[in-house]
């Protein structure tokens, strides 16, 4: 899946909506619709939107951010004694 960005006018989007909708849905394209007074909008696929929502949800929690930061640090250290958290261990981190 490619992920390129196209900028089009509102008029261009209206005239070729199916084309742009297919490119967004089928090929992961992002379309920026340029509008007067810099009131631009971005068209992304539902799959991409859901991914962003999931990431946003997980990063809202301080415990999740901490666990992610610790995991990245372990990978950066190439720690051969890595411990994979069980669901119970992860849940206890989330309750901190």
N, C-alpha and C. Protein backbone atom coordinates (compact mmCIF):
# COMPACT_ATOMS: atom_id res chain seq x y z
N UNK A 1 0.84 -1.17 0.00
CA UNK A 1 0.00 0.00 0.00
C UNK A 1 0.89 1.24 0.00
N UNK A 2 0.73 2.08 -0.99
CA UNK A 2 1.48 3.32 -1.01
C UNK A 2 0.77 4.33 -0.13
N UNK A 3 1.49 5.35 0.23
CA UNK A 3 0.86 6.38 1.03
C UNK A 3 1.33 7.73 0.53
N UNK A 4 0.75 8.15 -0.55
CA UNK A 4 1.11 9.46 -1.09
C UNK A 4 0.03 10.47 -0.71
N UNK A 5 0.37 11.72 -0.87
CA UNK A 5 -0.55 12.80 -0.54
C UNK A 5 -0.83 13.61 -1.80
N UNK A 6 -2.11 13.84 -2.03
CA UNK A 6 -2.52 14.68 -3.16
C UNK A 6 -3.28 15.87 -2.63
N UNK A 7 -3.07 17.00 -3.23
CA UNK A 7 -3.84 18.20 -2.89
C UNK A 7 -4.75 18.52 -4.06
N UNK A 8 -6.04 18.68 -3.78
CA UNK A 8 -7.01 18.99 -4.81
C UNK A 8 -7.93 20.10 -4.32
N UNK A 9 -8.56 20.77 -5.24
CA UNK A 9 -9.54 21.78 -4.88
C UNK A 9 -10.88 21.11 -4.60
N UNK A 10 -11.76 21.85 -3.97
CA UNK A 10 -13.10 21.33 -3.70
C UNK A 10 -13.78 20.96 -5.01
N UNK A 11 -13.62 21.82 -5.99
CA UNK A 11 -14.23 21.57 -7.31
C UNK A 11 -13.70 20.28 -7.93
N UNK A 12 -12.37 20.08 -7.87
CA UNK A 12 -11.75 18.86 -8.42
C UNK A 12 -12.26 17.63 -7.68
N UNK A 13 -12.39 17.72 -6.36
CA UNK A 13 -12.90 16.59 -5.59
C UNK A 13 -14.33 16.27 -5.99
N UNK A 14 -15.17 17.29 -6.13
CA UNK A 14 -16.57 17.07 -6.53
C UNK A 14 -16.65 16.41 -7.90
N UNK A 15 -15.85 16.90 -8.84
CA UNK A 15 -15.91 16.40 -10.21
C UNK A 15 -15.39 14.97 -10.32
N UNK A 16 -14.47 14.59 -9.44
CA UNK A 16 -13.83 13.27 -9.55
C UNK A 16 -13.89 12.51 -8.22
N UNK A 17 -15.00 12.64 -7.51
CA UNK A 17 -15.08 12.06 -6.18
C UNK A 17 -14.81 10.56 -6.17
N UNK A 18 -15.43 9.82 -7.07
CA UNK A 18 -15.25 8.36 -7.09
C UNK A 18 -13.77 8.01 -7.27
N UNK A 19 -13.11 8.69 -8.18
CA UNK A 19 -11.68 8.44 -8.42
C UNK A 19 -10.87 8.63 -7.14
N UNK A 20 -11.08 9.77 -6.47
CA UNK A 20 -10.31 10.04 -5.26
C UNK A 20 -10.69 9.11 -4.12
N UNK A 21 -11.98 8.81 -3.99
CA UNK A 21 -12.43 7.89 -2.94
C UNK A 21 -11.81 6.51 -3.15
N UNK A 22 -11.76 6.05 -4.39
CA UNK A 22 -11.14 4.75 -4.68
C UNK A 22 -9.65 4.77 -4.37
N UNK A 23 -8.96 5.85 -4.71
CA UNK A 23 -7.52 5.95 -4.43
C UNK A 23 -7.26 5.93 -2.93
N UNK A 24 -8.11 6.61 -2.18
CA UNK A 24 -7.96 6.62 -0.72
C UNK A 24 -8.22 5.23 -0.15
N UNK A 25 -9.33 4.63 -0.54
CA UNK A 25 -9.72 3.33 0.01
C UNK A 25 -8.83 2.19 -0.47
N UNK A 26 -8.47 2.18 -1.75
CA UNK A 26 -7.75 1.04 -2.32
C UNK A 26 -6.23 1.14 -2.19
N UNK A 27 -5.69 2.35 -2.17
CA UNK A 27 -4.24 2.50 -2.22
C UNK A 27 -3.66 3.29 -1.05
N UNK A 28 -4.48 3.64 -0.08
CA UNK A 28 -3.99 4.35 1.09
C UNK A 28 -3.57 5.78 0.82
N UNK A 29 -4.04 6.35 -0.27
CA UNK A 29 -3.71 7.75 -0.58
C UNK A 29 -4.34 8.67 0.46
N UNK A 30 -3.75 9.81 0.65
CA UNK A 30 -4.31 10.87 1.47
C UNK A 30 -4.61 12.04 0.54
N UNK A 31 -5.80 12.59 0.67
CA UNK A 31 -6.19 13.71 -0.18
C UNK A 31 -6.44 14.93 0.71
N UNK A 32 -5.72 16.00 0.42
CA UNK A 32 -5.95 17.27 1.09
C UNK A 32 -6.83 18.11 0.18
N UNK A 33 -7.97 18.51 0.70
CA UNK A 33 -8.89 19.34 -0.07
C UNK A 33 -8.64 20.78 0.34
N UNK A 34 -8.08 21.55 -0.59
CA UNK A 34 -7.75 22.94 -0.29
C UNK A 34 -8.99 23.80 -0.43
N UNK A 35 -9.17 24.69 0.56
CA UNK A 35 -10.34 25.54 0.60
C UNK A 35 -9.92 26.96 0.94
N UNK A 36 -10.77 27.92 0.62
CA UNK A 36 -10.45 29.32 0.95
C UNK A 36 -10.22 29.50 2.45
N UNK A 37 -9.46 30.51 2.78
CA UNK A 37 -9.16 30.88 4.15
C UNK A 37 -8.49 29.75 4.93
N UNK A 38 -7.78 28.90 4.21
CA UNK A 38 -7.03 27.80 4.81
C UNK A 38 -7.91 26.87 5.65
N UNK A 39 -9.15 26.69 5.22
CA UNK A 39 -10.08 25.77 5.91
C UNK A 39 -10.02 24.40 5.22
N UNK A 40 -8.82 23.92 5.05
CA UNK A 40 -8.59 22.66 4.35
C UNK A 40 -9.08 21.47 5.17
N UNK A 41 -9.40 20.40 4.47
CA UNK A 41 -9.76 19.14 5.10
C UNK A 41 -8.92 18.03 4.49
N UNK A 42 -8.80 16.93 5.24
CA UNK A 42 -8.00 15.79 4.79
C UNK A 42 -8.92 14.58 4.69
N UNK A 43 -8.81 13.84 3.59
CA UNK A 43 -9.58 12.62 3.38
C UNK A 43 -8.62 11.45 3.51
N UNK A 44 -8.94 10.55 4.47
CA UNK A 44 -8.15 9.33 4.66
C UNK A 44 -9.12 8.16 4.69
N UNK A 45 -8.59 6.96 4.56
CA UNK A 45 -9.43 5.78 4.58
C UNK A 45 -9.96 5.51 5.98
N UNK A 46 -11.03 4.75 6.06
CA UNK A 46 -11.57 4.36 7.36
C UNK A 46 -10.54 3.53 8.13
N UNK A 47 -9.83 2.68 7.43
CA UNK A 47 -8.78 1.87 8.06
C UNK A 47 -7.72 2.75 8.72
N UNK A 48 -7.27 3.78 8.00
CA UNK A 48 -6.27 4.70 8.54
C UNK A 48 -6.85 5.48 9.73
N UNK A 49 -8.06 5.94 9.60
CA UNK A 49 -8.73 6.67 10.68
C UNK A 49 -8.82 5.81 11.94
N UNK A 50 -9.26 4.56 11.78
CA UNK A 50 -9.38 3.66 12.93
C UNK A 50 -8.03 3.41 13.58
N UNK A 51 -6.99 3.29 12.78
CA UNK A 51 -5.64 3.10 13.31
C UNK A 51 -5.22 4.30 14.15
N UNK A 52 -5.48 5.50 13.65
CA UNK A 52 -5.14 6.72 14.39
C UNK A 52 -5.93 6.79 15.70
N UNK A 53 -7.20 6.41 15.66
CA UNK A 53 -8.03 6.44 16.86
C UNK A 53 -7.50 5.46 17.91
N UNK A 54 -7.10 4.28 17.46
CA UNK A 54 -6.56 3.28 18.38
C UNK A 54 -5.26 3.77 19.01
N UNK A 55 -4.38 4.35 18.20
CA UNK A 55 -3.13 4.89 18.72
C UNK A 55 -3.41 6.00 19.73
N UNK A 56 -4.32 6.89 19.39
CA UNK A 56 -4.68 7.98 20.29
C UNK A 56 -5.21 7.44 21.61
N UNK A 57 -6.05 6.42 21.55
CA UNK A 57 -6.62 5.81 22.75
C UNK A 57 -5.52 5.26 23.65
N UNK A 58 -4.58 4.51 23.07
CA UNK A 58 -3.53 3.91 23.87
C UNK A 58 -2.56 4.95 24.44
N UNK A 59 -2.32 6.02 23.71
CA UNK A 59 -1.37 7.02 24.19
C UNK A 59 -1.98 7.99 25.21
N UNK A 60 -3.29 7.96 25.37
CA UNK A 60 -3.93 8.84 26.37
C UNK A 60 -3.62 8.38 27.79
N UNK A 61 -3.39 7.10 27.97
CA UNK A 61 -3.14 6.56 29.30
C UNK A 61 -1.67 6.72 29.67
N UNK A 62 -1.43 7.30 30.85
CA UNK A 62 -0.06 7.47 31.34
C UNK A 62 0.63 6.12 31.48
N UNK A 63 -0.10 5.11 31.96
CA UNK A 63 0.49 3.77 32.13
C UNK A 63 0.88 3.17 30.78
N UNK A 64 0.04 3.36 29.77
CA UNK A 64 0.37 2.82 28.45
C UNK A 64 1.59 3.52 27.86
N UNK A 65 1.66 4.84 28.03
CA UNK A 65 2.82 5.58 27.52
C UNK A 65 4.09 5.11 28.23
N UNK A 66 3.99 4.89 29.53
CA UNK A 66 5.14 4.42 30.31
C UNK A 66 5.57 3.03 29.84
N UNK A 67 4.62 2.12 29.65
CA UNK A 67 4.95 0.76 29.21
C UNK A 67 5.58 0.79 27.82
N UNK A 68 5.05 1.63 26.95
CA UNK A 68 5.61 1.74 25.60
C UNK A 68 7.03 2.28 25.65
N UNK A 69 7.25 3.32 26.45
CA UNK A 69 8.58 3.91 26.58
C UNK A 69 9.58 2.88 27.13
N UNK A 70 9.15 2.11 28.12
CA UNK A 70 10.02 1.07 28.69
C UNK A 70 10.34 -0.02 27.66
N UNK A 71 9.36 -0.39 26.88
CA UNK A 71 9.57 -1.40 25.84
C UNK A 71 10.55 -0.92 24.78
N UNK A 72 10.41 0.33 24.37
CA UNK A 72 11.33 0.90 23.38
C UNK A 72 12.73 0.96 23.95
N UNK A 73 12.85 1.33 25.23
CA UNK A 73 14.17 1.39 25.87
C UNK A 73 14.80 0.00 25.91
N UNK A 74 14.01 -1.03 26.19
CA UNK A 74 14.53 -2.40 26.20
C UNK A 74 15.04 -2.79 24.82
N UNK A 75 14.28 -2.46 23.80
CA UNK A 75 14.70 -2.78 22.44
C UNK A 75 15.99 -2.04 22.08
N UNK A 76 16.06 -0.76 22.48
CA UNK A 76 17.25 0.03 22.21
C UNK A 76 18.48 -0.55 22.90
N UNK A 77 18.28 -1.11 24.11
CA UNK A 77 19.39 -1.72 24.84
C UNK A 77 19.73 -3.10 24.29
N UNK A 78 18.85 -3.64 23.45
CA UNK A 78 19.00 -5.01 22.95
C UNK A 78 19.15 -5.98 24.11
N UNK A 79 18.31 -5.80 25.09
CA UNK A 79 18.33 -6.61 26.31
C UNK A 79 17.89 -8.03 25.99
N UNK A 80 18.80 -8.98 26.10
CA UNK A 80 18.47 -10.37 25.77
C UNK A 80 17.61 -11.02 26.84
N UNK A 81 17.45 -10.36 27.97
CA UNK A 81 16.61 -10.89 29.04
C UNK A 81 15.23 -10.23 29.03
N UNK A 82 14.76 -9.87 27.84
CA UNK A 82 13.44 -9.23 27.72
C UNK A 82 12.37 -10.11 28.32
N UNK A 83 11.42 -9.48 28.95
CA UNK A 83 10.30 -10.20 29.55
C UNK A 83 9.03 -9.76 28.83
N UNK A 84 8.29 -10.71 28.33
CA UNK A 84 7.02 -10.40 27.68
C UNK A 84 5.95 -10.36 28.76
N UNK A 85 5.26 -9.24 28.83
CA UNK A 85 4.23 -9.08 29.84
C UNK A 85 3.03 -9.97 29.56
N UNK A 86 2.51 -10.56 30.62
CA UNK A 86 1.25 -11.29 30.51
C UNK A 86 0.13 -10.24 30.52
N UNK A 87 -1.06 -10.63 30.11
CA UNK A 87 -2.17 -9.66 30.18
C UNK A 87 -2.40 -9.14 31.60
N UNK A 88 -2.18 -10.00 32.59
CA UNK A 88 -2.37 -9.58 33.98
C UNK A 88 -1.32 -8.54 34.38
N UNK A 89 -0.07 -8.76 33.97
CA UNK A 89 1.00 -7.79 34.28
C UNK A 89 0.72 -6.44 33.60
N UNK A 90 0.27 -6.51 32.35
CA UNK A 90 -0.02 -5.27 31.63
C UNK A 90 -1.18 -4.54 32.32
N UNK A 91 -2.20 -5.28 32.74
CA UNK A 91 -3.34 -4.67 33.42
C UNK A 91 -2.90 -4.01 34.72
N UNK A 92 -1.98 -4.63 35.45
CA UNK A 92 -1.51 -4.02 36.70
C UNK A 92 -0.76 -2.74 36.43
N UNK A 93 -0.02 -2.66 35.30
CA UNK A 93 0.64 -1.42 34.94
C UNK A 93 -0.38 -0.33 34.65
N UNK A 94 -1.46 -0.71 34.01
CA UNK A 94 -2.50 0.26 33.64
C UNK A 94 -3.20 0.81 34.88
N UNK A 95 -3.16 0.07 35.97
CA UNK A 95 -3.83 0.52 37.19
C UNK A 95 -2.95 1.42 38.05
N UNK A 96 -1.69 1.61 37.65
CA UNK A 96 -0.77 2.47 38.41
C UNK A 96 -1.14 3.92 38.31
